[in-house]
């Protein structure tokens, strides 16, 4: 089974920055749509950012202008740069890769905590 391993989370003050990484050695990420989701305490999982298979990039309104999704195909790595973090960004963040005919792949989840 494919593993998609996340790293880079932690505790940061408001206004700070973090960069999340997901690595899946078994996946050629260019063949997949990739993205990031998050789930805050007591809330449902929500979409954050994605790169569609055709190359278009999307962000949810609350993070647009602050977060940047990127990837390095040679390293089988997906990234989320998060700047000007706010307490409302506190959540467990999950990376994702999917394409038609695949079961979809998820990272294990990593905590991002922004102090109030």
C-alpha atoms as a PDB file:
ATOM      1  CA  UNK A   1       0.000   0.000   0.000  1.00  0.00           C
ATOM      2  CA  UNK A   2       1.243   3.494  -0.842  1.00  0.00           C
ATOM      3  CA  UNK A   3       2.338   5.678   2.069  1.00  0.00           C
ATOM      4  CA  UNK A   4       2.109   9.465   1.873  1.00  0.00           C
ATOM      5  CA  UNK A   5       4.205  10.784   4.763  1.00  0.00           C
ATOM      6  CA  UNK A   6       3.680  14.290   6.147  1.00  0.00           C
ATOM      7  CA  UNK A   7       6.080  16.504   8.082  1.00  0.00           C
ATOM      8  CA  UNK A   8       6.620  20.161   8.993  1.00  0.00           C
ATOM      9  CA  UNK A   9       3.786  20.968  11.369  1.00  0.00           C
ATOM     10  CA  UNK A  10       4.096  22.531  14.790  1.00  0.00           C
ATOM     11  CA  UNK A  11       3.269  25.464  17.039  1.00  0.00           C
ATOM     12  CA  UNK A  12       3.603  29.000  15.700  1.00  0.00           C
ATOM     13  CA  UNK A  13       2.480  32.479  16.871  1.00  0.00           C
ATOM     14  CA  UNK A  14      -0.043  34.460  14.831  1.00  0.00           C
ATOM     15  CA  UNK A  15       1.682  35.984  11.829  1.00  0.00           C
ATOM     16  CA  UNK A  16       4.262  33.213  11.663  1.00  0.00           C
ATOM     17  CA  UNK A  17       5.008  30.741   8.889  1.00  0.00           C
ATOM     18  CA  UNK A  18       5.278  26.987   8.425  1.00  0.00           C
ATOM     19  CA  UNK A  19       5.954  24.732   5.458  1.00  0.00           C
ATOM     20  CA  UNK A  20       4.308  21.326   5.279  1.00  0.00           C
ATOM     21  CA  UNK A  21       5.693  18.461   3.192  1.00  0.00           C
ATOM     22  CA  UNK A  22       4.234  15.184   1.959  1.00  0.00           C
ATOM     23  CA  UNK A  23       6.389  12.509   0.358  1.00  0.00           C
ATOM     24  CA  UNK A  24       5.211   9.341  -1.393  1.00  0.00           C
ATOM     25  CA  UNK A  25       8.051   7.472  -3.063  1.00  0.00           C
ATOM     26  CA  UNK A  26       5.690   5.131  -4.908  1.00  0.00           C
ATOM     27  CA  UNK A  27       3.720   7.905  -6.626  1.00  0.00           C
ATOM     28  CA  UNK A  28       4.509   9.918  -9.732  1.00  0.00           C
ATOM     29  CA  UNK A  29       2.690  13.020  -8.553  1.00  0.00           C
ATOM     30  CA  UNK A  30       2.391  14.498 -12.018  1.00  0.00           C
ATOM     31  CA  UNK A  31      -0.051  11.715 -12.876  1.00  0.00           C
ATOM     32  CA  UNK A  32      -2.358  12.731 -10.011  1.00  0.00           C
ATOM     33  CA  UNK A  33      -4.421  15.633  -8.860  1.00  0.00           C
ATOM     34  CA  UNK A  34      -2.887  16.697  -5.531  1.00  0.00           C
ATOM     35  CA  UNK A  35      -4.027  18.866  -2.682  1.00  0.00           C
ATOM     36  CA  UNK A  36      -4.299  19.751   0.963  1.00  0.00           C
ATOM     37  CA  UNK A  37      -7.214  19.515   3.377  1.00  0.00           C
ATOM     38  CA  UNK A  38      -7.557  20.390   7.043  1.00  0.00           C
ATOM     39  CA  UNK A  39      -9.797  19.538   9.964  1.00  0.00           C
ATOM     40  CA  UNK A  40     -10.127  21.863  12.950  1.00  0.00           C
ATOM     41  CA  UNK A  41     -11.307  20.643  16.371  1.00  0.00           C
ATOM     42  CA  UNK A  42     -15.018  19.960  16.268  1.00  0.00           C
ATOM     43  CA  UNK A  43     -15.222  20.779  12.554  1.00  0.00           C
ATOM     44  CA  UNK A  44     -15.560  18.793   9.341  1.00  0.00           C
ATOM     45  CA  UNK A  45     -12.608  18.341   7.029  1.00  0.00           C
ATOM     46  CA  UNK A  46     -12.340  21.196   4.511  1.00  0.00           C
ATOM     47  CA  UNK A  47     -10.522  21.817   1.274  1.00  0.00           C
ATOM     48  CA  UNK A  48      -7.485  24.118   1.455  1.00  0.00           C
ATOM     49  CA  UNK A  49      -5.546  23.996  -1.827  1.00  0.00           C
ATOM     50  CA  UNK A  50      -5.177  21.798  -4.905  1.00  0.00           C
ATOM     51  CA  UNK A  51      -3.370  21.376  -8.190  1.00  0.00           C
ATOM     52  CA  UNK A  52      -5.689  19.682 -10.648  1.00  0.00           C
ATOM     53  CA  UNK A  53      -4.426  17.112 -13.144  1.00  0.00           C
ATOM     54  CA  UNK A  54      -4.601  19.708 -15.918  1.00  0.00           C
ATOM     55  CA  UNK A  55      -2.396  22.062 -13.891  1.00  0.00           C
ATOM     56  CA  UNK A  56      -4.896  24.583 -12.535  1.00  0.00           C
ATOM     57  CA  UNK A  57      -4.321  25.672  -8.931  1.00  0.00           C
ATOM     58  CA  UNK A  58      -7.127  26.442  -6.482  1.00  0.00           C
ATOM     59  CA  UNK A  59      -7.269  27.815  -2.947  1.00  0.00           C
ATOM     60  CA  UNK A  60     -10.089  28.214  -0.512  1.00  0.00           C
ATOM     61  CA  UNK A  61     -10.853  31.909   0.010  1.00  0.00           C
ATOM     62  CA  UNK A  62      -9.690  32.010   3.615  1.00  0.00           C
ATOM     63  CA  UNK A  63      -6.088  31.097   2.680  1.00  0.00           C
ATOM     64  CA  UNK A  64      -5.733  32.761  -0.722  1.00  0.00           C
ATOM     65  CA  UNK A  65      -2.748  35.106  -0.745  1.00  0.00           C
ATOM     66  CA  UNK A  66      -1.226  33.491   2.345  1.00  0.00           C
ATOM     67  CA  UNK A  67      -0.735  29.819   1.380  1.00  0.00           C
ATOM     68  CA  UNK A  68       1.083  28.384  -1.650  1.00  0.00           C
ATOM     69  CA  UNK A  69       0.880  24.818  -2.949  1.00  0.00           C
ATOM     70  CA  UNK A  70       3.889  23.466  -4.832  1.00  0.00           C
ATOM     71  CA  UNK A  71       5.557  20.160  -5.675  1.00  0.00           C
ATOM     72  CA  UNK A  72       8.811  18.524  -6.691  1.00  0.00           C
ATOM     73  CA  UNK A  73       8.180  15.521  -8.926  1.00  0.00           C
ATOM     74  CA  UNK A  74      11.763  14.273  -8.699  1.00  0.00           C
ATOM     75  CA  UNK A  75      11.428  14.087  -4.904  1.00  0.00           C
ATOM     76  CA  UNK A  76       7.838  12.774  -5.021  1.00  0.00           C
ATOM     77  CA  UNK A  77       7.042  15.649  -2.686  1.00  0.00           C
ATOM     78  CA  UNK A  78       4.076  17.957  -2.220  1.00  0.00           C
ATOM     79  CA  UNK A  79       4.401  21.185  -0.206  1.00  0.00           C
ATOM     80  CA  UNK A  80       2.191  23.762   1.435  1.00  0.00           C
ATOM     81  CA  UNK A  81       3.873  27.040   2.387  1.00  0.00           C
ATOM     82  CA  UNK A  82       1.753  28.842   4.985  1.00  0.00           C
ATOM     83  CA  UNK A  83       2.472  32.505   5.737  1.00  0.00           C
ATOM     84  CA  UNK A  84       0.782  35.043   8.011  1.00  0.00           C
ATOM     85  CA  UNK A  85      -0.834  32.255   9.984  1.00  0.00           C
ATOM     86  CA  UNK A  86      -3.957  33.001  11.994  1.00  0.00           C
ATOM     87  CA  UNK A  87      -5.528  31.180  14.958  1.00  0.00           C
ATOM     88  CA  UNK A  88      -8.314  30.077  12.602  1.00  0.00           C
ATOM     89  CA  UNK A  89      -5.714  28.055  10.666  1.00  0.00           C
ATOM     90  CA  UNK A  90      -5.259  25.719  13.639  1.00  0.00           C
ATOM     91  CA  UNK A  91      -6.124  22.224  12.395  1.00  0.00           C
ATOM     92  CA  UNK A  92      -4.811  18.834  11.423  1.00  0.00           C
ATOM     93  CA  UNK A  93      -3.606  19.099   7.827  1.00  0.00           C
ATOM     94  CA  UNK A  94      -3.799  16.225   5.327  1.00  0.00           C
ATOM     95  CA  UNK A  95      -2.190  15.853   1.911  1.00  0.00           C
ATOM     96  CA  UNK A  96      -4.009  13.986  -0.828  1.00  0.00           C
ATOM     97  CA  UNK A  97      -3.386  12.508  -4.270  1.00  0.00           C
ATOM     98  CA  UNK A  98      -5.991  10.979  -6.523  1.00  0.00           C
ATOM     99  CA  UNK A  99      -6.850  10.106 -10.098  1.00  0.00           C
ATOM    100  CA  UNK A 100      -9.524   8.070 -11.848  1.00  0.00           C
ATOM    101  CA  UNK A 101      -9.036   4.389 -11.169  1.00  0.00           C
ATOM    102  CA  UNK A 102      -6.998   4.907  -8.007  1.00  0.00           C
ATOM    103  CA  UNK A 103      -8.247   4.468  -4.433  1.00  0.00           C
ATOM    104  CA  UNK A 104      -6.919   7.891  -3.474  1.00  0.00           C
ATOM    105  CA  UNK A 105      -4.014   8.450  -1.103  1.00  0.00           C
ATOM    106  CA  UNK A 106      -3.919  10.458   2.126  1.00  0.00           C
ATOM    107  CA  UNK A 107      -1.198  11.596   4.463  1.00  0.00           C
ATOM    108  CA  UNK A 108      -1.443  10.622   8.110  1.00  0.00           C
ATOM    109  CA  UNK A 109      -2.350  14.149   9.212  1.00  0.00           C
ATOM    110  CA  UNK A 110      -0.111  16.677  10.936  1.00  0.00           C
ATOM    111  CA  UNK A 111      -0.997  19.243  13.586  1.00  0.00           C
ATOM    112  CA  UNK A 112      -0.634  22.971  12.946  1.00  0.00           C
ATOM    113  CA  UNK A 113      -1.343  25.112  16.005  1.00  0.00           C
ATOM    114  CA  UNK A 114      -1.434  28.918  15.857  1.00  0.00           C
ATOM    115  CA  UNK A 115      -1.637  30.601  19.254  1.00  0.00           C
ATOM    116  CA  UNK A 116      -4.321  33.142  20.042  1.00  0.00           C
END
